[in-house]
Amino acid sequence: MTLEIAGGWHMYALDGTSIAMVYGTSADGVSLTFSESSEQLLACLPHVLSQATTVAGELRIYGFGPKGPSG
C-alpha cells in the first residue's frame, strides 16, 4: 500500500517472511527509505494493510486479518 500524506510518500509492504510489514518513506515518491518491520495490530490481532483513501476529508486505511476485512 502506498499513499501520499502532507507532501510525503508512505509505503507498507509485506516483508516476505511473515505477516509483518515493512514501512518506508519518500519525499519524491521515487526512492524509498525503509525503516522498520513490524506487525500492524488492530484489536491486538495482526492485520495486513491493503488500501487507503480519503472519505469526507478523513483518511481511511483498509486491511485484512484473521477474521476477514477491516476498515
N, C-alpha and C. Protein backbone atom coordinates (compact mmCIF):
# COMPACT_ATOMS: atom_id res chain seq x y z
N MET A 1 0.85 -1.16 0.00
CA MET A 1 0.00 0.00 0.00
C MET A 1 0.90 1.22 0.00
N THR A 2 0.65 2.15 -0.89
CA THR A 2 1.42 3.39 -0.98
C THR A 2 0.44 4.55 -0.95
N LEU A 3 0.74 5.59 -0.14
CA LEU A 3 -0.12 6.75 -0.09
C LEU A 3 0.69 8.01 0.14
N GLU A 4 0.14 9.14 -0.32
CA GLU A 4 0.77 10.43 -0.13
C GLU A 4 0.04 11.17 0.98
N ILE A 5 0.80 11.64 1.97
CA ILE A 5 0.24 12.41 3.08
C ILE A 5 1.12 13.63 3.31
N ALA A 6 0.51 14.80 3.27
CA ALA A 6 1.20 16.06 3.57
C ALA A 6 2.49 16.21 2.76
N GLY A 7 2.45 15.88 1.47
CA GLY A 7 3.60 16.07 0.61
C GLY A 7 4.67 15.01 0.69
N GLY A 8 4.46 13.97 1.47
CA GLY A 8 5.43 12.87 1.57
C GLY A 8 4.75 11.55 1.23
N TRP A 9 5.55 10.59 0.78
CA TRP A 9 5.03 9.28 0.41
C TRP A 9 5.34 8.25 1.49
N HIS A 10 4.37 7.37 1.73
CA HIS A 10 4.50 6.32 2.75
C HIS A 10 4.12 4.99 2.11
N MET A 11 4.89 3.94 2.42
CA MET A 11 4.61 2.63 1.85
C MET A 11 4.67 1.56 2.93
N TYR A 12 3.69 0.68 2.90
CA TYR A 12 3.69 -0.54 3.73
C TYR A 12 3.67 -1.72 2.77
N ALA A 13 4.53 -2.70 3.00
CA ALA A 13 4.57 -3.90 2.16
C ALA A 13 4.90 -5.10 3.04
N LEU A 14 4.38 -6.27 2.68
CA LEU A 14 4.71 -7.47 3.43
C LEU A 14 6.21 -7.71 3.36
N ASP A 15 6.81 -8.15 4.47
CA ASP A 15 8.26 -8.35 4.47
C ASP A 15 8.68 -9.66 3.81
N GLY A 16 7.73 -10.51 3.44
CA GLY A 16 8.03 -11.71 2.68
C GLY A 16 8.30 -12.95 3.52
N THR A 17 8.42 -12.78 4.83
CA THR A 17 8.70 -13.94 5.68
C THR A 17 7.63 -14.17 6.74
N SER A 18 6.71 -13.22 6.90
CA SER A 18 5.67 -13.33 7.93
C SER A 18 4.55 -12.36 7.59
N ILE A 19 3.64 -12.13 8.54
CA ILE A 19 2.57 -11.15 8.35
C ILE A 19 3.07 -9.73 8.67
N ALA A 20 4.31 -9.61 9.16
CA ALA A 20 4.88 -8.30 9.45
C ALA A 20 4.99 -7.48 8.15
N MET A 21 4.90 -6.16 8.29
CA MET A 21 5.00 -5.27 7.15
C MET A 21 6.19 -4.34 7.33
N VAL A 22 6.90 -4.06 6.23
CA VAL A 22 7.97 -3.08 6.27
C VAL A 22 7.37 -1.72 5.95
N TYR A 23 7.94 -0.66 6.54
CA TYR A 23 7.45 0.69 6.36
C TYR A 23 8.55 1.54 5.73
N GLY A 24 8.18 2.27 4.69
CA GLY A 24 9.15 3.14 4.03
C GLY A 24 8.56 4.51 3.77
N THR A 25 9.46 5.50 3.62
CA THR A 25 9.03 6.87 3.34
C THR A 25 9.86 7.42 2.18
N SER A 26 9.30 8.44 1.53
CA SER A 26 9.98 9.08 0.42
C SER A 26 9.47 10.51 0.28
N ALA A 27 10.36 11.43 0.02
CA ALA A 27 9.97 12.81 -0.22
C ALA A 27 9.49 13.01 -1.65
N ASP A 28 10.04 12.22 -2.59
CA ASP A 28 9.73 12.43 -4.01
C ASP A 28 8.89 11.31 -4.64
N GLY A 29 8.62 10.23 -3.92
CA GLY A 29 7.85 9.12 -4.46
C GLY A 29 8.65 8.23 -5.39
N VAL A 30 9.95 8.48 -5.53
CA VAL A 30 10.79 7.69 -6.42
C VAL A 30 11.68 6.74 -5.62
N SER A 31 12.44 7.28 -4.68
CA SER A 31 13.33 6.44 -3.88
C SER A 31 12.82 6.39 -2.44
N LEU A 32 12.65 5.16 -1.95
CA LEU A 32 12.11 4.93 -0.61
C LEU A 32 13.21 4.56 0.37
N THR A 33 13.03 4.98 1.61
CA THR A 33 13.91 4.58 2.70
C THR A 33 13.07 3.75 3.67
N PHE A 34 13.44 2.48 3.83
CA PHE A 34 12.69 1.60 4.72
C PHE A 34 13.29 1.65 6.11
N SER A 35 12.43 1.75 7.12
CA SER A 35 12.93 1.98 8.47
C SER A 35 12.54 0.93 9.49
N GLU A 36 11.52 0.15 9.25
CA GLU A 36 11.11 -0.82 10.26
C GLU A 36 10.29 -1.95 9.65
N SER A 37 10.21 -3.03 10.37
CA SER A 37 9.36 -4.14 10.01
C SER A 37 8.61 -4.55 11.28
N SER A 38 7.29 -4.51 11.23
CA SER A 38 6.51 -4.83 12.42
C SER A 38 5.12 -5.31 12.02
N GLU A 39 4.47 -6.00 12.95
CA GLU A 39 3.09 -6.39 12.73
C GLU A 39 2.20 -5.18 13.00
N GLN A 40 1.20 -4.98 12.17
CA GLN A 40 0.23 -3.91 12.36
C GLN A 40 -0.95 -4.50 13.11
N LEU A 41 -1.17 -4.03 14.33
CA LEU A 41 -2.18 -4.62 15.20
C LEU A 41 -3.47 -3.80 15.22
N LEU A 42 -4.57 -4.50 15.22
CA LEU A 42 -5.89 -3.91 15.40
C LEU A 42 -6.63 -4.84 16.34
N ALA A 43 -7.09 -4.33 17.46
CA ALA A 43 -7.72 -5.16 18.49
C ALA A 43 -6.79 -6.29 18.92
N CYS A 44 -5.50 -5.98 19.02
CA CYS A 44 -4.45 -6.91 19.47
C CYS A 44 -4.19 -8.07 18.51
N LEU A 45 -4.73 -8.00 17.28
CA LEU A 45 -4.51 -9.05 16.29
C LEU A 45 -3.77 -8.47 15.08
N PRO A 46 -2.83 -9.22 14.50
CA PRO A 46 -2.09 -8.70 13.33
C PRO A 46 -2.98 -8.58 12.10
N HIS A 47 -2.80 -7.48 11.37
CA HIS A 47 -3.55 -7.22 10.14
C HIS A 47 -2.59 -6.80 9.03
N VAL A 48 -2.97 -7.07 7.80
CA VAL A 48 -2.22 -6.62 6.63
C VAL A 48 -2.93 -5.40 6.07
N LEU A 49 -2.22 -4.27 5.96
CA LEU A 49 -2.79 -3.06 5.39
C LEU A 49 -2.81 -3.21 3.88
N SER A 50 -3.94 -2.86 3.24
CA SER A 50 -4.04 -3.11 1.81
C SER A 50 -4.41 -1.90 0.96
N GLN A 51 -5.16 -0.94 1.51
CA GLN A 51 -5.58 0.20 0.70
C GLN A 51 -5.91 1.37 1.60
N ALA A 52 -5.72 2.58 1.08
CA ALA A 52 -6.07 3.80 1.83
C ALA A 52 -6.78 4.75 0.89
N THR A 53 -7.70 5.52 1.44
CA THR A 53 -8.43 6.53 0.67
C THR A 53 -8.90 7.62 1.62
N THR A 54 -9.33 8.73 1.08
CA THR A 54 -9.89 9.81 1.88
C THR A 54 -11.40 9.82 1.67
N VAL A 55 -12.15 9.80 2.76
CA VAL A 55 -13.61 9.84 2.73
C VAL A 55 -14.05 10.99 3.62
N ALA A 56 -14.77 11.93 3.04
CA ALA A 56 -15.27 13.10 3.76
C ALA A 56 -14.13 13.79 4.53
N GLY A 57 -12.96 13.90 3.89
CA GLY A 57 -11.84 14.60 4.49
C GLY A 57 -11.04 13.81 5.52
N GLU A 58 -11.40 12.55 5.75
CA GLU A 58 -10.69 11.72 6.73
C GLU A 58 -10.00 10.56 6.02
N LEU A 59 -8.78 10.24 6.48
CA LEU A 59 -8.04 9.13 5.92
C LEU A 59 -8.59 7.82 6.46
N ARG A 60 -8.88 6.89 5.56
CA ARG A 60 -9.32 5.55 5.96
C ARG A 60 -8.33 4.54 5.39
N ILE A 61 -7.87 3.63 6.25
CA ILE A 61 -6.96 2.58 5.83
C ILE A 61 -7.68 1.25 5.99
N TYR A 62 -7.64 0.45 4.94
CA TYR A 62 -8.32 -0.84 4.93
C TYR A 62 -7.29 -1.95 4.94
N GLY A 63 -7.68 -3.08 5.50
CA GLY A 63 -6.78 -4.21 5.56
C GLY A 63 -7.56 -5.48 5.85
N PHE A 64 -6.83 -6.53 6.12
CA PHE A 64 -7.49 -7.78 6.47
C PHE A 64 -6.67 -8.50 7.53
N GLY A 65 -7.36 -9.31 8.30
CA GLY A 65 -6.72 -10.05 9.38
C GLY A 65 -7.34 -11.42 9.52
N PRO A 66 -7.15 -12.03 10.68
CA PRO A 66 -7.62 -13.40 10.88
C PRO A 66 -9.14 -13.58 10.78
N LYS A 67 -9.90 -12.50 10.93
CA LYS A 67 -11.36 -12.60 10.88
C LYS A 67 -11.93 -11.95 9.62
N GLY A 68 -11.08 -11.66 8.63
CA GLY A 68 -11.54 -11.08 7.38
C GLY A 68 -11.26 -9.60 7.29
N PRO A 69 -11.93 -8.89 6.34
CA PRO A 69 -11.66 -7.47 6.07
C PRO A 69 -11.95 -6.59 7.27
N SER A 70 -11.23 -5.48 7.35
CA SER A 70 -11.47 -4.46 8.38
C SER A 70 -11.22 -3.10 7.76
N GLY A 71 -11.75 -2.06 8.38
CA GLY A 71 -11.54 -0.73 7.83
C GLY A 71 -11.77 0.33 8.86
